[in-house]
Amino acid sequence: MTQPYVIDQMISAKSIAARIEELSREIKDTFSDAEKLVVVGLLRGSFVFIADLVRELDMNVEVDFLEASSYGDSMESSREVRILKDLRGEIAGRDVLVVEDIVDTGFTLSHVTELLKTRKPKRLETIALLDKPTRRETEIKATWTGFEIPDEFVVGYGIDYAQRNRNLPYIGKVRFT
């Protein structure tokens, strides 16, 4: 059972939409020579972000998903990354963009990118909606970042706390009461 909490809005839905438009232009420029871009969403937290992002990408895209976990229902990373669902398609020789909801300690994104590099993509880039650089315990940095945030526990826009609040249209800071 979760302890009682309130949610304070941190990043509005309007700000998120505007930032995704900017990021999509940069991604299209970077991958302008790509025949097709394989967009890999890290489940579950990235599903809202990936849906909005691919709708802004005016290019040929293929969407696939990988589910990795280092949190479970906890607020703290276990630092042990488990792959719960692997890609359905092949990425060898293809342009790949990994979409992450939030880079915190960096263990998940680092583990996933190292795993995907072994599959020999033509090019592998990463994007994270949120980045908490003060929490980083690895050398990983996303190619693109939507917003840098302080060390706060956040929910909304696909990000949950114990499978709650994913459906909020904004990013909110959790404050325990």
Protein backbone atom coordinates (compact mmCIF):
# COMPACT_ATOMS: atom_id res chain seq x y z
CA MET A 1 0.00 0.00 0.00
CA THR A 2 1.33 3.45 -0.90
CA GLN A 3 1.52 6.26 1.60
CA PRO A 4 -0.75 9.31 1.05
CA TYR A 5 0.58 11.96 -1.30
CA VAL A 6 -0.34 15.00 -3.37
CA ILE A 7 0.93 15.94 -6.80
CA ASP A 8 2.19 19.42 -7.67
CA GLN A 9 2.41 20.23 -11.38
CA MET A 10 6.04 20.62 -12.46
CA ILE A 11 5.90 20.65 -16.29
CA SER A 12 2.67 21.48 -18.11
CA ALA A 13 1.19 19.49 -20.98
CA LYS A 14 1.64 22.56 -23.19
CA SER A 15 5.36 22.80 -22.35
CA ILE A 16 5.82 19.11 -23.07
CA ALA A 17 4.09 19.39 -26.46
CA ALA A 18 6.23 22.41 -27.44
CA ARG A 19 9.44 20.65 -26.44
CA ILE A 20 8.50 17.51 -28.39
CA GLU A 21 8.03 19.65 -31.52
CA GLU A 22 11.56 21.06 -31.07
CA LEU A 23 13.08 17.64 -30.41
CA SER A 24 11.36 16.07 -33.42
CA ARG A 25 12.93 18.67 -35.72
CA GLU A 26 16.40 17.86 -34.34
CA ILE A 27 15.79 14.12 -34.70
CA LYS A 28 14.57 14.53 -38.30
CA ASP A 29 17.71 16.55 -39.11
CA THR A 30 19.99 13.92 -37.55
CA PHE A 31 18.26 11.02 -39.30
CA SER A 32 17.51 12.84 -42.58
CA ASP A 33 19.40 10.19 -44.56
CA ALA A 34 17.64 7.25 -42.87
CA GLU A 35 15.48 5.03 -45.05
CA LYS A 36 13.48 4.16 -41.93
CA LEU A 37 13.96 5.00 -38.26
CA VAL A 38 13.33 2.24 -35.73
CA VAL A 39 11.95 3.95 -32.65
CA VAL A 40 12.36 1.73 -29.58
CA GLY A 41 10.24 2.69 -26.61
CA LEU A 42 11.29 1.55 -23.17
CA LEU A 43 8.14 0.34 -21.49
CA ARG A 44 6.22 1.23 -19.61
CA GLY A 45 6.99 4.81 -18.76
CA SER A 46 7.78 6.00 -22.28
CA PHE A 47 4.52 4.97 -23.99
CA VAL A 48 2.88 8.42 -23.90
CA PHE A 49 6.10 10.17 -24.90
CA ILE A 50 6.81 7.79 -27.78
CA ALA A 51 3.24 8.15 -29.12
CA ASP A 52 3.49 11.95 -29.18
CA LEU A 53 7.05 11.91 -30.52
CA VAL A 54 6.43 9.60 -33.48
CA ARG A 55 3.38 11.63 -34.51
CA GLU A 56 5.69 14.64 -34.84
CA LEU A 57 8.32 12.76 -36.88
CA ASP A 58 7.56 13.42 -40.53
CA MET A 59 9.58 10.44 -41.74
CA ASN A 60 9.29 6.70 -42.18
CA VAL A 61 9.28 5.12 -38.70
CA GLU A 62 8.88 1.66 -37.27
CA VAL A 63 7.96 1.34 -33.61
CA ASP A 64 9.12 -1.46 -31.35
CA PHE A 65 9.22 -1.86 -27.59
CA LEU A 66 11.57 -3.24 -24.99
CA GLU A 67 10.58 -3.53 -21.35
CA ALA A 68 13.31 -3.15 -18.78
CA SER A 69 12.93 -2.70 -15.05
CA SER A 70 15.14 -1.58 -12.20
CA TYR A 71 12.39 -0.21 -9.94
CA GLY A 72 9.40 -2.54 -9.59
CA ASP A 73 6.93 -0.68 -7.34
CA SER A 74 9.73 1.02 -5.41
CA MET A 75 10.79 4.65 -5.51
CA GLU A 76 14.46 3.67 -5.57
CA SER A 77 16.39 1.92 -8.34
CA SER A 78 17.57 -1.58 -7.48
CA ARG A 79 20.51 -1.00 -9.90
CA GLU A 80 19.76 -4.45 -11.28
CA VAL A 81 18.28 -4.10 -14.75
CA ARG A 82 16.06 -6.92 -15.97
CA ILE A 83 14.76 -7.26 -19.53
CA LEU A 84 11.10 -8.23 -19.22
CA LYS A 85 10.16 -7.94 -22.92
CA ASP A 86 12.60 -7.92 -25.84
CA LEU A 87 12.29 -6.35 -29.28
CA ARG A 88 10.22 -8.20 -31.88
CA GLY A 89 12.23 -6.95 -34.84
CA GLU A 90 15.86 -6.98 -35.91
CA ILE A 91 17.92 -3.78 -35.68
CA ALA A 92 21.18 -4.89 -37.34
CA GLY A 93 22.24 -2.31 -39.92
CA ARG A 94 19.30 -0.03 -39.07
CA ASP A 95 18.95 3.47 -37.63
CA VAL A 96 17.63 3.23 -34.07
CA LEU A 97 16.30 5.80 -31.61
CA VAL A 98 15.78 4.59 -28.03
CA VAL A 99 13.06 6.51 -26.19
CA GLU A 100 13.25 6.65 -22.38
CA ASP A 101 10.90 8.43 -19.99
CA ILE A 102 13.44 9.46 -17.38
CA VAL A 103 17.18 9.02 -16.85
CA ASP A 104 17.81 8.83 -13.14
CA THR A 105 20.78 6.70 -12.00
CA GLY A 106 21.38 5.85 -15.66
CA PHE A 107 21.54 2.08 -15.11
CA THR A 108 18.54 1.22 -17.29
CA LEU A 109 19.52 3.35 -20.29
CA SER A 110 23.15 2.27 -20.03
CA HIS A 111 22.23 -1.42 -19.88
CA VAL A 112 19.76 -1.17 -22.75
CA THR A 113 22.09 0.78 -25.06
CA GLU A 114 24.94 -1.67 -24.42
CA LEU A 115 22.60 -4.58 -25.15
CA LEU A 116 21.33 -2.98 -28.37
CA LYS A 117 24.86 -2.11 -29.56
CA THR A 118 25.66 -5.84 -29.55
CA ARG A 119 22.95 -6.22 -32.21
CA LYS A 120 24.95 -3.97 -34.55
CA PRO A 121 22.59 -1.14 -35.50
CA LYS A 122 23.81 1.28 -38.17
CA ARG A 123 23.31 4.17 -35.76
CA LEU A 124 21.96 4.23 -32.19
CA GLU A 125 20.82 7.44 -30.54
CA THR A 126 18.80 8.06 -27.37
CA ILE A 127 16.19 10.50 -26.17
CA ALA A 128 14.81 10.99 -22.67
CA LEU A 129 11.87 13.15 -21.73
CA LEU A 130 13.36 13.86 -18.31
CA ASP A 131 16.90 13.88 -16.94
CA LYS A 132 17.98 13.97 -13.28
CA PRO A 133 21.74 14.53 -13.63
CA THR A 134 22.30 14.86 -9.86
CA ARG A 135 21.25 11.20 -9.46
CA ARG A 136 23.53 9.78 -12.18
CA GLU A 137 25.67 6.81 -11.21
CA THR A 138 26.80 5.90 -14.74
CA GLU A 139 28.46 7.83 -17.56
CA ILE A 140 25.36 7.67 -19.81
CA LYS A 141 23.82 10.82 -21.24
CA ALA A 142 20.90 10.83 -23.69
CA THR A 143 21.54 12.34 -27.12
CA TRP A 144 18.45 14.50 -26.60
CA THR A 145 16.71 15.51 -23.39
CA GLY A 146 13.32 17.11 -23.03
CA PHE A 147 13.74 18.61 -19.57
CA GLU A 148 16.38 18.53 -16.86
CA ILE A 149 14.74 18.23 -13.47
CA PRO A 150 15.92 18.28 -9.85
CA ASP A 151 16.00 15.18 -7.69
CA GLU A 152 12.24 14.93 -7.17
CA PHE A 153 9.99 11.91 -7.47
CA VAL A 154 7.71 12.59 -10.45
CA VAL A 155 4.64 11.07 -12.07
CA GLY A 156 2.43 11.71 -15.07
CA TYR A 157 2.74 11.60 -18.84
CA GLY A 158 3.33 7.84 -18.66
CA ILE A 159 5.45 7.82 -15.50
CA ASP A 160 3.92 6.07 -12.50
CA TYR A 161 4.16 5.56 -8.80
CA ALA A 162 3.10 1.97 -7.99
CA GLN A 163 1.15 1.82 -11.29
CA ARG A 164 -0.78 5.05 -10.58
CA ASN A 165 -0.84 8.49 -12.23
CA ARG A 166 0.47 7.45 -15.68
CA ASN A 167 -2.58 9.10 -17.22
CA LEU A 168 -1.84 12.65 -16.02
CA PRO A 169 -1.25 14.94 -19.04
CA TYR A 170 1.59 16.77 -17.26
CA ILE A 171 4.65 15.94 -15.13
CA GLY A 172 3.95 16.32 -11.45
CA LYS A 173 6.13 16.23 -8.37
CA VAL A 174 4.98 13.77 -5.69
CA ARG A 175 4.77 15.25 -2.21
CA PHE A 176 4.06 12.81 0.58
CA THR A 177 1.63 13.96 3.27
